[in-house]
Each structure stands twice: as C-alpha cells, then as structure tokens.
Amino acid sequence: MKKYVIGASVWLLSLGLGLAQSVPTQPGLATLPLNQAIQLALQNNKGIKLADSRTQAAESRLQETKDRSLPQANASLAYSRYSLTGPFSMGQGSDGKALLSIPAGAFNATIGGATISKEVFGGFAEKSAELSADLLAKATQLDAQRNRSELIYTVTDAYYNIVKLLRSTRVIDQSISQFDEKEREAQNLLKEGVVTSNEVLKIQLQKNNLRLSRLQVEKARQTALYNFSLLVGLPDGQEVMVDTVLANPVAVAEPLSSFMTQAIQGRPEVRANALREQSAVAMLRNTKSVMYPHLGVSLGYNYINPSARLIPEANSFVSAWSLGAGLSYNIGSLYNLKGKLHSAQNAIDQANLQGQQQTDQIRSEVVTAYNNYQLALEQQNVIGTAVGQAQENYRLTESRFRNGLVGSTDLLEANSFLLQAQLNAINATVDAQLAYQRLLKATGNNLN
C-alpha cells in the first residue's frame, strides 16, 4: 500500500511543480477562452513586437535599395571675392612692357550649377540588388509568421496544462472529501471493534499526504498565474479563469503523407529559406555586374557671374548647358573578382544545404507529431476502460471494508488505483489536445 501512496504523492508533486504556466481559477472571474488568450499574446508579446520591428527594418532596407536606383541630382552655389594686394607683372616685351600684368584691386565671382545623372546600364546591379532586398524582406515576414506559430503553440500548451492542473485539483479535492468520510466510518468501526486503530491511522496518513500534495500544487498555481500573465501580456496582479471543458478531439482521417505535404509547402521557415536562396542567387548576379561595362548619362547647367549678386543682371554672366554620356569598364574585375564570386556561390550552396537539412527536420517532426497524436487517441480508449475498472474495484473493496471483510490497506490501495486512473484520464484528454496542436504546428496550420 505504501508504494501506491508515495506514487500518487510524487505524481501530484511533479504535476504541481512542472506546470509553471498554469492559472488559478476563482469565483467571479471572467473566463478567458483560448482564442482570446492567443490574441492577447500576439498583440502584447515582446518577442512578436521584436519580430515585427525586424520586418520593418527589412522593408526599410528594400526602400533604401530602391532609392539608390533613382537619378542622382546635385546643385551648388558659391560666392568668392578675390583681392590683390599689389600689381603683378610677368615677363617683358620688346617695347619694355610686361607681357602679363594684373593691376591691384578686387573682384567678385558667383558660380552656380546643377547636375542630374543616372546610370543607364550597370551590369544588372540595380535590378539584382533590389530583387535580393525584396526577397529578404519577404523572408523576414515569414520569420515573423514562424514566431507567431511558436507563440500560438506556447500559449496553447500553457492553457491546456492549466486545464490539466485545475481538473486534477478537483479530483484531489474530491478524494480528500472521500477520505474525510472514510475516516469517520473507520472511527465508527473502531468503536464497534471491527477495525483497529492502526487501520484508522493508515487512512489519516494517506489523507494528509494528499493534503500536502494539494498545498504544493496551490503554491505552484500562484507562480503560474504570474508567468501566464507575462506570456499573454496581462497587467501584474490581474487574474484570469480558463475554460476547463475540453471536447475529445476526433481521429485524424488524413494519411501521414498528406500532413507531410502540407508541412513542406506550408511551414513559414521552409518558404523563408527558399526566398533566402533566391536572394543569394540575385546577389551572385549583383557581384558579377562589375564584369560588364557601365553606361551613364548626365545633364548639367552652370553659370558664372562676375559680381556679388545672387541673381545677376541681364547679359552680365556666362551660362551653359551640358549633356553627356560616359562608358566605363573595371579592368580589375578580370582578375580580382574570384574571391567575391566564390563567397556569393558559397552563400547559395549554404542556403540550399540549410533547406535540405530543414526539410529533414520537418519530416521527422511531422512523423513524430502524427504518431504521438495517434498514440494519444489510443491511450484515451485504454485509460477510459481502466477508469471503469478502478471504479468497480473501489466500489467492491469499499463494500467489503464496511462489512469488515478487508482492512484499510486494501481500501487505500483501491483508492490509489482509482485516483491514479482518474488523473490519467485527465492527462490523456489534455495530452490528446496538445498532441493535435503539435501536429497542426508541425504542418504549419496552427496559424489558420
């Protein structure tokens, strides 16, 4: 009998300490459904906000790339005053006069200009850079979806574990109440001489063990409330109540191959990695762009005004329009580009290998989730039968105990079997729900 008492106590202790994301229920509190808890977490979770900020940063980098492909425009305006401290002369002619002379004095000069230039052909550098940035921005958006999928499962797991804890607590409380009744019956039987005082002590001992486990679970609930509030973004001290009614999930009719296909096509990280591989290909093309001639055109306007006026008088300045085209070629690209090309190709190869490795991991995850879900459904049927057997065994043992045919050891053992079967039934129901959610997450469908 002792091993059953200890086994039940240890199980309850592990349940209470292991569920760090549980929430207590109190009368008068509004029930928080699972879908609302998920929405709160998606709105308030700091990790999701950080992922969204990364997406915005990637979109900003895409815009920067687009901006660099626009025509470049420059304008300038400068004023200078030149003062000569004395006359200046150079050389001497046959007539004795200086060949070049500048008299003493000062003069002003205002020079302005504007230029617009655009690279018409740069070896596809602009187009490939913009394509690469666009693909990376989309990949970052898919990364944010993956983070949302992880958070949805985390909240769901916490919510269902809360249900497991609360429903188990009710079973424990019911068992404690039954032990109160059994203790009163044993006391009466002791007075009649049917049982010994040792039999009564055994009942009291197991009842106290259950109370100890109940206290430990209660303390875990207090910690769990705070952790769950952090997870979904509730204010400190705000308590919530979860819906403890769970419907049994239906058996999955689709074959494993169908879930495998859904995962390969729907998982955000698979699609993100494919985009990163395409981005690496675009960057290779960008690296090769220096191997092509570059053609650019420009349009400019300049004027020189020999005065201090910003707007000169008519016919007192010199102005000119200019239209030009230039062709350049980086001869060094013929021999100094091998390292860059190798790095760009290596990035493509790495993205491809990461995609293959990722696919293998996802296949394994789907197979594991699918088989675990099937196992959870089968366990529910087996445990359901075990509960009925434990209830019948307890009923017969209790009847024999009242008639003095068996001692408290047999009664406590039957009660331990029943309690364990009831707790197993709760676990099986909740675990089946979690197994189904893991299958949805493995296939990328828990975002739908």
Protein backbone atom coordinates (compact mmCIF):
# COMPACT_ATOMS: atom_id res chain seq x y z
CA MET A 1 0.00 0.00 0.00
CA LYS A 2 2.79 2.41 0.85
CA LYS A 3 4.19 2.38 -2.65
CA TYR A 4 0.80 3.49 -4.05
CA VAL A 5 0.51 6.34 -1.59
CA ILE A 6 4.04 7.53 -2.37
CA GLY A 7 3.49 7.08 -6.10
CA ALA A 8 0.37 9.24 -6.08
CA SER A 9 2.06 11.91 -3.97
CA VAL A 10 5.12 12.07 -6.22
CA TRP A 11 2.94 12.31 -9.31
CA LEU A 12 0.95 15.15 -7.84
CA LEU A 13 4.12 16.93 -6.77
CA SER A 14 5.60 16.69 -10.26
CA LEU A 15 2.35 17.93 -11.72
CA GLY A 16 2.27 20.96 -9.46
CA LEU A 17 5.92 21.89 -9.90
CA GLY A 18 6.14 21.12 -13.60
CA LEU A 19 3.24 23.24 -14.77
CA ALA A 20 4.87 26.62 -14.48
CA GLN A 21 2.40 28.19 -16.88
CA SER A 22 -0.84 27.44 -15.05
CA VAL A 23 -3.57 29.83 -13.98
CA PRO A 24 -5.76 29.55 -10.88
CA THR A 25 -9.48 29.97 -11.05
CA GLN A 26 -11.53 31.99 -8.61
CA PRO A 27 -15.26 32.56 -8.39
CA GLY A 28 -16.45 35.76 -10.05
CA LEU A 29 -13.60 35.97 -12.57
CA ALA A 30 -14.46 36.17 -16.26
CA THR A 31 -13.44 33.15 -18.31
CA LEU A 32 -10.64 33.77 -20.80
CA PRO A 33 -11.15 31.49 -23.83
CA LEU A 34 -8.10 30.06 -25.56
CA ASN A 35 -8.57 32.07 -28.75
CA GLN A 36 -8.69 35.33 -26.77
CA ALA A 37 -5.57 34.36 -24.84
CA ILE A 38 -3.77 33.76 -28.14
CA GLN A 39 -4.88 37.14 -29.49
CA LEU A 40 -3.70 38.88 -26.34
CA ALA A 41 -0.31 37.20 -26.62
CA LEU A 42 0.03 38.12 -30.31
CA GLN A 43 -0.80 41.73 -29.50
CA ASN A 44 1.33 42.12 -26.38
CA ASN A 45 4.21 39.64 -26.62
CA LYS A 46 7.56 41.41 -26.80
CA GLY A 47 9.09 38.72 -28.98
CA ILE A 48 6.40 39.27 -31.63
CA LYS A 49 6.92 43.03 -31.47
CA LEU A 50 10.66 42.48 -31.95
CA ALA A 51 9.98 40.25 -34.97
CA ASP A 52 7.71 42.94 -36.43
CA SER A 53 10.45 45.53 -35.96
CA ARG A 54 12.86 43.27 -37.87
CA THR A 55 10.31 43.08 -40.67
CA GLN A 56 10.05 46.87 -40.76
CA ALA A 57 13.84 47.13 -40.83
CA ALA A 58 13.99 44.75 -43.81
CA GLU A 59 11.35 46.78 -45.63
CA SER A 60 13.36 49.94 -44.92
CA ARG A 61 16.46 48.33 -46.44
CA LEU A 62 14.39 47.46 -49.52
CA GLN A 63 13.31 51.08 -49.81
CA GLU A 64 16.92 52.21 -49.47
CA THR A 65 17.87 49.92 -52.36
CA LYS A 66 15.08 51.38 -54.50
CA ASP A 67 16.17 54.91 -53.60
CA ARG A 68 19.72 54.21 -54.78
CA SER A 69 18.40 53.35 -58.26
CA LEU A 70 16.82 56.80 -58.68
CA PRO A 71 18.63 59.52 -60.66
CA GLN A 72 21.17 61.48 -58.62
CA ALA A 73 20.72 65.27 -58.54
CA ASN A 74 23.18 67.85 -57.20
CA ALA A 75 23.12 71.64 -57.03
CA SER A 76 25.74 74.12 -55.84
CA LEU A 77 26.15 77.84 -55.42
CA ALA A 78 29.36 79.57 -54.32
CA TYR A 79 30.46 83.15 -53.89
CA SER A 80 34.09 84.29 -53.76
CA ARG A 81 35.83 87.66 -53.52
CA TYR A 82 39.38 87.89 -54.73
CA SER A 83 41.62 90.76 -53.51
CA LEU A 84 45.05 91.60 -54.96
CA THR A 85 47.49 93.25 -52.55
CA GLY A 86 49.52 94.84 -55.33
CA PRO A 87 50.07 94.90 -59.08
CA PHE A 88 51.52 91.80 -60.60
CA SER A 89 53.52 91.53 -63.81
CA MET A 90 55.37 88.79 -65.64
CA GLY A 91 57.90 88.93 -68.47
CA GLN A 92 58.91 91.90 -70.65
CA GLY A 93 58.23 92.58 -74.26
CA SER A 94 60.44 94.26 -76.88
CA ASP A 95 58.74 97.52 -76.12
CA GLY A 96 59.71 97.24 -72.44
CA LYS A 97 56.18 96.50 -71.22
CA ALA A 98 55.22 93.47 -69.20
CA LEU A 99 53.85 90.53 -71.13
CA LEU A 100 51.28 89.78 -68.35
CA SER A 101 50.11 92.24 -65.76
CA ILE A 102 47.33 92.28 -63.18
CA PRO A 103 46.57 95.66 -61.58
CA ALA A 104 45.89 95.99 -57.90
CA GLY A 105 42.24 95.76 -56.86
CA ALA A 106 39.48 93.24 -56.16
CA PHE A 107 36.70 91.40 -57.98
CA ASN A 108 33.73 89.19 -57.09
CA ALA A 109 32.58 85.91 -58.55
CA THR A 110 29.39 83.87 -58.08
CA ILE A 111 29.41 80.38 -59.55
CA GLY A 112 26.39 78.03 -59.59
CA GLY A 113 25.39 74.79 -61.18
CA ALA A 114 23.04 71.79 -61.16
CA THR A 115 23.60 68.26 -62.39
CA ILE A 116 21.35 65.21 -62.84
CA SER A 117 22.99 61.85 -63.54
CA LYS A 118 21.72 58.29 -63.98
CA GLU A 119 23.42 55.02 -64.66
CA VAL A 120 21.56 53.56 -67.62
CA PHE A 121 23.24 50.17 -67.54
CA GLY A 122 25.27 48.84 -64.64
CA GLY A 123 25.50 45.16 -65.42
CA PHE A 124 22.04 44.49 -63.85
CA ALA A 125 23.41 45.60 -60.46
CA GLU A 126 20.42 47.77 -59.52
CA LYS A 127 17.82 45.21 -60.53
CA SER A 128 19.56 42.30 -58.77
CA ALA A 129 20.18 44.33 -55.60
CA GLU A 130 16.52 45.38 -55.46
CA LEU A 131 15.37 41.80 -56.08
CA SER A 132 17.64 40.48 -53.33
CA ALA A 133 16.39 43.07 -50.82
CA ASP A 134 12.77 42.35 -51.75
CA LEU A 135 13.24 38.60 -51.25
CA LEU A 136 14.93 39.15 -47.88
CA ALA A 137 12.08 41.40 -46.76
CA LYS A 138 9.56 38.69 -47.63
CA ALA A 139 11.69 36.09 -45.84
CA THR A 140 11.70 38.28 -42.72
CA GLN A 141 7.91 38.46 -42.87
CA LEU A 142 7.80 34.66 -42.93
CA ASP A 143 10.17 34.58 -39.95
CA ALA A 144 7.62 36.70 -38.10
CA GLN A 145 4.91 34.18 -39.04
CA ARG A 146 7.07 31.38 -37.67
CA ASN A 147 7.44 33.28 -34.39
CA ARG A 148 3.68 33.68 -34.26
CA SER A 149 3.23 29.94 -34.83
CA GLU A 150 5.63 29.19 -31.97
CA LEU A 151 3.84 31.64 -29.68
CA ILE A 152 0.42 30.21 -30.53
CA TYR A 153 1.58 26.75 -29.58
CA THR A 154 3.27 28.03 -26.41
CA VAL A 155 0.06 29.75 -25.28
CA THR A 156 -2.00 26.69 -26.22
CA ASP A 157 0.34 24.39 -24.32
CA ALA A 158 0.20 26.64 -21.26
CA TYR A 159 -3.59 26.91 -21.47
CA TYR A 160 -4.16 23.16 -21.73
CA ASN A 161 -1.73 22.49 -18.92
CA ILE A 162 -3.73 24.91 -16.83
CA VAL A 163 -6.80 22.86 -17.58
CA LYS A 164 -4.92 19.72 -16.59
CA LEU A 165 -3.91 21.25 -13.27
CA LEU A 166 -7.36 22.59 -12.42
CA ARG A 167 -9.21 19.41 -13.29
CA SER A 168 -6.66 17.35 -11.38
CA THR A 169 -7.08 19.62 -8.37
CA ARG A 170 -10.81 18.92 -8.38
CA VAL A 171 -10.14 15.19 -8.36
CA ILE A 172 -7.72 15.61 -5.45
CA ASP A 173 -10.25 17.69 -3.52
CA GLN A 174 -12.91 15.08 -4.16
CA SER A 175 -10.56 12.33 -2.96
CA ILE A 176 -9.77 14.29 0.21
CA SER A 177 -13.50 14.67 0.90
CA GLN A 178 -13.94 10.94 0.43
CA PHE A 179 -11.13 10.30 2.91
CA ASP A 180 -12.90 12.53 5.44
CA GLU A 181 -15.94 10.31 5.10
CA LYS A 182 -13.84 7.14 5.26
CA GLU A 183 -12.13 8.40 8.39
CA ARG A 184 -15.50 8.93 10.09
CA GLU A 185 -16.63 5.46 9.04
CA ALA A 186 -13.36 3.95 10.28
CA GLN A 187 -13.78 5.73 13.63
CA ASN A 188 -17.25 4.22 13.99
CA LEU A 189 -15.95 0.78 13.02
CA LEU A 190 -13.16 1.20 15.55
CA LYS A 191 -15.71 1.82 18.28
CA GLU A 192 -17.54 -1.34 17.24
CA GLY A 193 -14.29 -3.30 17.29
CA VAL A 194 -14.43 -4.14 13.56
CA VAL A 195 -11.12 -2.38 12.71
CA THR A 196 -8.04 -1.49 14.71
CA SER A 197 -6.65 1.95 15.47
CA ASN A 198 -3.79 1.20 13.07
CA GLU A 199 -6.30 0.95 10.21
CA VAL A 200 -7.60 4.42 11.09
CA LEU A 201 -4.06 5.82 11.18
CA LYS A 202 -3.40 4.50 7.69
CA ILE A 203 -6.42 6.36 6.35
CA GLN A 204 -5.36 9.55 8.13
CA LEU A 205 -1.82 9.21 6.78
CA GLN A 206 -2.91 8.98 3.14
CA LYS A 207 -5.33 11.87 3.60
CA ASN A 208 -2.50 14.02 4.97
CA ASN A 209 -0.26 13.01 2.05
CA LEU A 210 -2.95 14.19 -0.36
CA ARG A 211 -3.29 17.46 1.54
CA LEU A 212 0.46 18.00 1.34
CA SER A 213 0.41 17.47 -2.41
CA ARG A 214 -2.57 19.82 -2.68
CA LEU A 215 -0.65 22.55 -0.86
CA GLN A 216 2.33 22.13 -3.20
CA VAL A 217 0.11 22.41 -6.26
CA GLU A 218 -1.54 25.51 -4.78
CA LYS A 219 1.81 27.26 -4.42
CA ALA A 220 2.68 26.32 -8.00
CA ARG A 221 -0.60 27.89 -9.11
CA GLN A 222 0.38 31.24 -7.61
CA THR A 223 3.64 31.25 -9.54
CA ALA A 224 1.86 30.01 -12.64
CA LEU A 225 -0.59 32.91 -12.68
CA TYR A 226 2.19 35.45 -12.84
CA ASN A 227 4.02 33.57 -15.61
CA PHE A 228 0.89 33.18 -17.71
CA SER A 229 0.08 36.86 -17.28
CA LEU A 230 3.53 37.70 -18.62
CA LEU A 231 3.06 35.34 -21.55
CA VAL A 232 -0.20 36.89 -22.75
CA GLY A 233 0.69 40.44 -21.67
CA LEU A 234 -1.76 40.96 -18.83
CA PRO A 235 -1.09 43.60 -16.15
CA ASP A 236 0.55 42.44 -12.93
CA GLY A 237 -1.96 41.12 -10.45
CA GLN A 238 -4.76 40.58 -12.95
CA GLU A 239 -6.15 37.08 -12.52
CA VAL A 240 -7.96 35.07 -15.16
CA MET A 241 -10.09 31.96 -15.35
CA VAL A 242 -9.73 29.34 -18.07
CA ASP A 243 -12.35 27.12 -19.66
CA THR A 244 -11.76 23.63 -18.28
CA VAL A 245 -14.27 21.93 -20.58
CA LEU A 246 -12.41 20.12 -23.36
CA ALA A 247 -14.03 18.11 -26.12
CA ASN A 248 -12.33 14.93 -27.17
CA PRO A 249 -10.51 15.51 -30.50
CA VAL A 250 -11.68 13.42 -33.41
CA ALA A 251 -9.47 10.84 -35.04
CA VAL A 252 -7.39 12.09 -37.95
CA ALA A 253 -8.66 10.65 -41.23
CA GLU A 254 -5.91 12.08 -43.44
CA PRO A 255 -2.87 9.89 -44.10
CA LEU A 256 0.61 10.79 -42.94
CA SER A 257 1.69 11.69 -46.48
CA SER A 258 -0.95 14.44 -46.60
CA PHE A 259 0.41 16.08 -43.44
CA MET A 260 3.93 15.74 -44.81
CA THR A 261 2.99 17.59 -48.00
CA GLN A 262 1.24 20.32 -46.02
CA ALA A 263 4.33 20.82 -43.87
CA ILE A 264 6.77 21.07 -46.77
CA GLN A 265 4.52 23.54 -48.57
CA GLY A 266 3.14 25.50 -45.64
CA ARG A 267 5.84 25.87 -42.99
CA PRO A 268 6.94 29.53 -42.91
CA GLU A 269 10.60 28.67 -42.32
CA VAL A 270 10.69 26.47 -45.45
CA ARG A 271 9.32 29.26 -47.60
CA ALA A 272 11.64 31.79 -45.94
CA ASN A 273 14.70 29.66 -46.64
CA ALA A 274 13.66 29.28 -50.29
CA LEU A 275 13.45 33.07 -50.57
CA ARG A 276 16.88 33.45 -48.99
CA GLU A 277 18.33 31.03 -51.52
CA GLN A 278 16.79 33.09 -54.34
CA SER A 279 18.21 36.22 -52.71
CA ALA A 280 21.67 34.65 -52.68
CA VAL A 281 21.33 33.91 -56.41
CA ALA A 282 20.40 37.55 -57.02
CA MET A 283 23.45 38.70 -55.02
CA LEU A 284 25.69 36.49 -57.17
CA ARG A 285 24.32 38.27 -60.20
CA ASN A 286 24.96 41.58 -58.45
CA THR A 287 28.57 40.56 -57.80
CA LYS A 288 29.03 39.71 -61.48
CA SER A 289 27.70 43.13 -62.53
CA VAL A 290 31.17 44.69 -62.25
CA MET A 291 32.29 42.42 -65.11
CA TYR A 292 30.05 44.38 -67.53
CA PRO A 293 30.63 47.87 -68.98
CA HIS A 294 28.72 50.60 -67.17
CA LEU A 295 26.91 53.33 -69.11
CA GLY A 296 25.75 56.56 -67.55
CA VAL A 297 24.21 59.83 -68.73
CA SER A 298 24.17 63.28 -67.17
CA LEU A 299 22.52 66.66 -67.69
CA GLY A 300 24.02 69.80 -66.21
CA TYR A 301 23.70 73.57 -66.06
CA ASN A 302 26.42 76.02 -64.94
CA TYR A 303 26.74 79.79 -64.77
CA ILE A 304 29.48 82.23 -63.78
CA ASN A 305 28.56 85.69 -62.56
CA PRO A 306 31.47 88.14 -62.07
CA SER A 307 29.65 90.04 -59.31
CA ALA A 308 28.39 89.58 -55.79
CA ARG A 309 24.77 89.43 -56.86
CA LEU A 310 22.98 86.13 -56.48
CA ILE A 311 20.72 87.00 -59.42
CA PRO A 312 22.91 88.76 -61.95
CA GLU A 313 21.81 91.47 -64.35
CA ALA A 314 20.98 90.53 -67.88
CA ASN A 315 23.92 89.75 -70.13
CA SER A 316 26.34 90.04 -67.21
CA PHE A 317 27.04 86.33 -66.67
CA VAL A 318 28.10 83.28 -68.58
CA SER A 319 25.91 80.14 -68.56
CA ALA A 320 25.99 76.80 -70.31
CA TRP A 321 24.00 73.57 -70.55
CA SER A 322 25.76 70.24 -70.76
CA LEU A 323 24.59 66.80 -71.84
CA GLY A 324 26.94 63.87 -71.55
CA ALA A 325 27.25 60.13 -71.64
CA GLY A 326 30.03 58.01 -70.25
CA LEU A 327 31.09 54.42 -70.65
CA SER A 328 33.37 52.78 -68.10
CA TYR A 329 34.78 49.34 -67.56
CA ASN A 330 36.53 47.99 -64.50
CA ILE A 331 39.50 46.17 -65.93
CA GLY A 332 40.40 44.90 -62.47
CA SER A 333 37.27 42.72 -62.50
CA LEU A 334 39.12 40.40 -64.89
CA TYR A 335 41.43 39.24 -62.12
CA ASN A 336 40.32 40.47 -58.67
CA LEU A 337 36.77 39.07 -58.52
CA LYS A 338 37.39 35.38 -57.82
CA GLY A 339 37.06 35.68 -54.04
CA LYS A 340 33.78 37.60 -54.19
CA LEU A 341 32.30 35.19 -56.72
CA HIS A 342 33.31 32.23 -54.58
CA SER A 343 31.72 33.80 -51.47
CA ALA A 344 28.49 34.53 -53.34
CA GLN A 345 28.29 30.98 -54.71
CA ASN A 346 29.07 29.60 -51.26
CA ALA A 347 26.12 31.55 -49.84
CA ILE A 348 23.85 29.86 -52.38
CA ASP A 349 25.20 26.42 -51.51
CA GLN A 350 24.76 27.06 -47.77
CA ALA A 351 21.16 28.18 -48.25
CA ASN A 352 20.46 25.06 -50.31
CA LEU A 353 22.00 22.74 -47.70
CA GLN A 354 20.15 24.52 -44.89
CA GLY A 355 16.92 23.99 -46.80
CA GLN A 356 17.61 20.27 -47.17
CA GLN A 357 18.51 19.95 -43.50
CA GLN A 358 15.41 21.90 -42.54
CA THR A 359 13.20 19.64 -44.68
CA ASP A 360 14.61 16.54 -42.99
CA GLN A 361 13.93 18.02 -39.55
CA ILE A 362 10.38 18.93 -40.51
CA ARG A 363 9.71 15.46 -41.88
CA SER A 364 10.90 13.96 -38.61
CA GLU A 365 8.79 16.44 -36.62
CA VAL A 366 5.65 15.63 -38.62
CA VAL A 367 6.12 11.87 -38.27
CA THR A 368 6.68 12.22 -34.52
CA ALA A 369 3.67 14.51 -34.05
CA TYR A 370 1.42 12.29 -36.16
CA ASN A 371 2.34 9.09 -34.32
CA ASN A 372 2.10 10.78 -30.92
CA TYR A 373 -1.38 12.01 -31.76
CA GLN A 374 -2.50 8.57 -32.84
CA LEU A 375 -0.99 7.16 -29.64
CA ALA A 376 -2.79 9.78 -27.54
CA LEU A 377 -6.15 8.78 -29.05
CA GLU A 378 -5.48 5.10 -28.41
CA GLN A 379 -4.38 5.83 -24.84
CA GLN A 380 -7.66 7.61 -24.20
CA ASN A 381 -9.60 4.44 -25.02
CA VAL A 382 -7.39 2.26 -22.83
CA ILE A 383 -7.44 4.68 -19.89
CA GLY A 384 -11.22 5.08 -20.20
CA THR A 385 -11.58 1.34 -19.70
CA ALA A 386 -9.11 1.47 -16.78
CA VAL A 387 -11.19 4.15 -15.03
CA GLY A 388 -14.28 1.99 -15.19
CA GLN A 389 -12.37 -0.98 -13.80
CA ALA A 390 -10.85 1.13 -11.00
CA GLN A 391 -14.27 2.48 -10.04
CA GLU A 392 -15.77 -1.01 -9.86
CA ASN A 393 -12.78 -2.30 -7.88
CA TYR A 394 -13.10 0.57 -5.38
CA ARG A 395 -16.85 0.00 -5.02
CA LEU A 396 -16.41 -3.68 -4.21
CA THR A 397 -13.46 -3.06 -1.85
CA GLU A 398 -15.34 -0.31 -0.02
CA SER A 399 -18.33 -2.62 0.48
CA ARG A 400 -16.07 -5.34 1.88
CA PHE A 401 -14.34 -2.81 4.17
CA ARG A 402 -17.68 -1.73 5.64
CA ASN A 403 -18.50 -5.35 6.34
CA GLY A 404 -15.13 -5.96 7.95
CA LEU A 405 -14.01 -8.39 5.23
CA VAL A 406 -10.89 -6.41 4.23
CA GLY A 407 -8.64 -3.97 6.05
CA SER A 408 -7.81 -0.36 5.28
CA THR A 409 -4.74 -1.43 3.32
CA ASP A 410 -6.91 -2.93 0.60
CA LEU A 411 -9.22 0.09 0.67
CA LEU A 412 -6.32 2.55 0.36
CA GLU A 413 -4.83 0.53 -2.47
CA ALA A 414 -8.16 0.54 -4.33
CA ASN A 415 -8.46 4.29 -3.74
CA SER A 416 -4.93 4.84 -5.09
CA PHE A 417 -5.79 2.87 -8.23
CA LEU A 418 -8.94 4.93 -8.72
CA LEU A 419 -7.21 8.25 -8.09
CA GLN A 420 -4.37 7.39 -10.47
CA ALA A 421 -6.84 6.26 -13.14
CA GLN A 422 -8.84 9.48 -12.85
CA LEU A 423 -5.69 11.59 -13.09
CA ASN A 424 -4.51 9.54 -16.06
CA ALA A 425 -7.84 10.16 -17.77
CA ILE A 426 -7.42 13.90 -17.31
CA ASN A 427 -3.88 13.72 -18.64
CA ALA A 428 -4.96 11.64 -21.62
CA THR A 429 -7.69 14.10 -22.61
CA VAL A 430 -5.43 17.13 -22.35
CA ASP A 431 -2.45 15.39 -23.91
CA ALA A 432 -4.57 14.42 -26.90
CA GLN A 433 -5.47 18.08 -27.39
CA LEU A 434 -1.82 19.10 -27.12
CA ALA A 435 -0.75 16.33 -29.48
CA TYR A 436 -3.22 17.60 -32.06
CA GLN A 437 -1.93 21.16 -31.64
CA ARG A 438 1.64 19.90 -32.11
CA LEU A 439 0.54 18.21 -35.32
CA LEU A 440 -1.01 21.46 -36.54
CA LYS A 441 2.16 23.35 -35.68
CA ALA A 442 4.33 20.73 -37.42
CA THR A 443 2.33 21.19 -40.61
CA GLY A 444 2.20 24.98 -40.33
CA ASN A 445 -1.59 25.03 -39.96
CA ASN A 446 -1.94 26.47 -36.47
CA LEU A 447 -1.76 29.98 -37.98
CA ASN A 448 -5.02 29.42 -39.86
